[in-house]
Amino acid sequence: MIFLLGAVDFFVFPYLTVRILNSTARSLGMHEVTALNGGQDFWLALAVPYMILVAAFSWIAQRGTRIQAQPVQLLMLAKASSSLTSLALFLLGGFAYPFLANFVVDGAIVLITYWFYRGARSELVFPQ
């Protein structure tokens, strides 16, 4: 559910989200990212569906009496990719705080999910 809320946030409040992240960056003395403009709105067409897919992976994984392994694996792949891309953008793009924040948040999601995944290994259902 939280990922679905992320999709709504990205779609409905993209400028506010960037402003909040930038205000945090200013308070930490870090670099900001440029607010979205007409050309960058294209990325919303990619970010919103990504968050919807992540929400779907999470929902499918927990349906039924046992946890489906494959959607959890896809969730971890998506979040690891997002985290590492954000780290690269942070390091190569001028150390803008929002990239660092996304690296940390999505990285934490991967680590926590993997910890639960390993602990629930006997309960997981793998595709045939």
Protein backbone atom coordinates (compact mmCIF):
# COMPACT_ATOMS: atom_id res chain seq x y z
CA MET A 1 0.00 0.00 0.00
CA ILE A 2 2.82 2.40 0.81
CA PHE A 3 4.24 2.03 -2.72
CA LEU A 4 0.85 2.83 -4.21
CA LEU A 5 0.80 5.99 -2.11
CA GLY A 6 4.25 6.76 -3.52
CA ALA A 7 2.83 6.48 -7.05
CA VAL A 8 0.03 8.91 -6.15
CA ASP A 9 2.57 11.28 -4.58
CA PHE A 10 4.81 11.20 -7.66
CA PHE A 11 1.88 11.85 -9.97
CA VAL A 12 -0.14 14.40 -7.97
CA PHE A 13 2.57 16.21 -5.98
CA PRO A 14 5.87 15.94 -7.91
CA TYR A 15 6.80 19.61 -7.40
CA LEU A 16 5.91 19.55 -3.70
CA THR A 17 7.95 16.38 -3.21
CA VAL A 18 11.01 18.00 -4.82
CA ARG A 19 10.50 21.18 -2.75
CA ILE A 20 10.34 19.16 0.50
CA LEU A 21 13.48 17.22 -0.39
CA ASN A 22 15.26 20.45 -1.35
CA SER A 23 14.26 22.17 1.89
CA THR A 24 15.75 19.22 3.78
CA ALA A 25 18.88 19.52 1.65
CA ARG A 26 19.19 23.23 2.52
CA SER A 27 18.81 22.52 6.24
CA LEU A 28 21.59 19.90 5.98
CA GLY A 29 23.81 22.19 3.89
CA MET A 30 23.62 19.83 0.91
CA HIS A 31 22.97 20.43 -2.78
CA GLU A 32 19.43 20.59 -4.14
CA VAL A 33 17.98 19.23 -7.37
CA THR A 34 16.40 21.44 -9.98
CA ALA A 35 12.63 21.43 -9.72
CA LEU A 36 10.76 19.60 -12.43
CA ASN A 37 9.88 21.50 -15.57
CA GLY A 38 7.89 20.59 -18.67
CA GLY A 39 10.69 18.52 -20.20
CA GLN A 40 11.35 16.58 -17.02
CA ASP A 41 7.69 15.75 -16.49
CA PHE A 42 8.35 12.91 -18.94
CA TRP A 43 10.02 11.04 -16.09
CA LEU A 44 6.73 11.01 -14.20
CA ALA A 45 5.47 8.68 -16.91
CA LEU A 46 8.18 6.26 -15.80
CA ALA A 47 8.19 6.85 -12.04
CA VAL A 48 4.46 6.43 -11.45
CA PRO A 49 4.18 3.07 -13.27
CA TYR A 50 7.34 1.88 -11.45
CA MET A 51 5.72 2.57 -8.09
CA ILE A 52 2.52 0.84 -9.22
CA LEU A 53 4.54 -2.24 -10.23
CA VAL A 54 6.35 -2.23 -6.88
CA ALA A 55 2.98 -2.05 -5.11
CA ALA A 56 1.70 -4.92 -7.29
CA PHE A 57 4.76 -7.07 -6.51
CA SER A 58 4.18 -6.50 -2.80
CA TRP A 59 0.47 -7.27 -3.03
CA ILE A 60 0.93 -10.44 -5.12
CA ALA A 61 3.68 -11.71 -2.83
CA GLN A 62 1.46 -11.67 0.25
CA ARG A 63 -1.72 -13.10 -1.30
CA GLY A 64 -2.71 -16.58 -0.21
CA THR A 65 -1.51 -18.66 2.68
CA ARG A 66 2.17 -18.73 1.64
CA ILE A 67 4.47 -15.97 0.38
CA GLN A 68 5.20 -15.96 -3.35
CA ALA A 69 8.99 -15.75 -3.79
CA GLN A 70 9.18 -14.33 -7.31
CA PRO A 71 7.37 -11.01 -6.68
CA VAL A 72 9.57 -10.48 -3.61
CA GLN A 73 12.66 -11.09 -5.73
CA LEU A 74 11.38 -8.61 -8.34
CA LEU A 75 10.66 -6.05 -5.60
CA MET A 76 14.22 -6.39 -4.29
CA LEU A 77 15.61 -6.06 -7.83
CA ALA A 78 13.56 -2.92 -8.47
CA LYS A 79 14.52 -1.29 -5.18
CA ALA A 80 18.21 -2.26 -5.50
CA SER A 81 18.26 -0.79 -9.03
CA SER A 82 16.60 2.40 -7.79
CA SER A 83 18.97 2.68 -4.84
CA LEU A 84 22.13 2.15 -6.88
CA THR A 85 20.97 4.49 -9.64
CA SER A 86 20.33 7.14 -6.99
CA LEU A 87 23.81 6.59 -5.53
CA ALA A 88 25.35 7.03 -8.99
CA LEU A 89 23.33 10.22 -9.58
CA PHE A 90 24.35 11.51 -6.13
CA LEU A 91 28.05 10.87 -6.76
CA LEU A 92 28.14 11.95 -10.40
CA GLY A 93 25.51 14.69 -10.32
CA GLY A 94 26.81 17.12 -7.73
CA PHE A 95 25.85 15.43 -4.44
CA ALA A 96 22.19 16.44 -4.48
CA TYR A 97 20.44 15.35 -1.28
CA PRO A 98 17.29 13.84 -2.87
CA PHE A 99 19.45 11.24 -4.61
CA LEU A 100 21.18 10.39 -1.35
CA ALA A 101 17.82 10.14 0.43
CA ASN A 102 16.47 7.75 -2.21
CA PHE A 103 19.67 5.66 -2.06
CA VAL A 104 19.26 5.28 1.70
CA VAL A 105 15.48 4.65 1.71
CA ASP A 106 15.40 2.18 -1.17
CA GLY A 107 18.60 0.53 0.05
CA ALA A 108 17.01 0.06 3.49
CA ILE A 109 13.91 -1.43 1.85
CA VAL A 110 16.12 -3.96 0.01
CA LEU A 111 18.04 -4.91 3.15
CA ILE A 112 14.96 -5.23 5.36
CA THR A 113 13.05 -7.16 2.70
CA TYR A 114 16.03 -9.50 2.17
CA TRP A 115 16.29 -10.07 5.92
CA PHE A 116 12.60 -11.08 6.06
CA TYR A 117 12.95 -13.08 2.83
CA ARG A 118 15.83 -15.12 4.27
CA GLY A 119 13.94 -15.65 7.53
CA ALA A 120 10.82 -16.84 5.72
CA ARG A 121 12.63 -19.09 3.21
CA SER A 122 10.78 -22.21 4.36
CA GLU A 123 7.45 -20.42 3.87
CA LEU A 124 8.18 -19.18 0.35
CA VAL A 125 6.53 -20.60 -2.76
CA PHE A 126 8.82 -20.68 -5.81
CA PRO A 127 7.56 -20.87 -9.41
CA GLN A 128 7.54 -24.32 -10.98
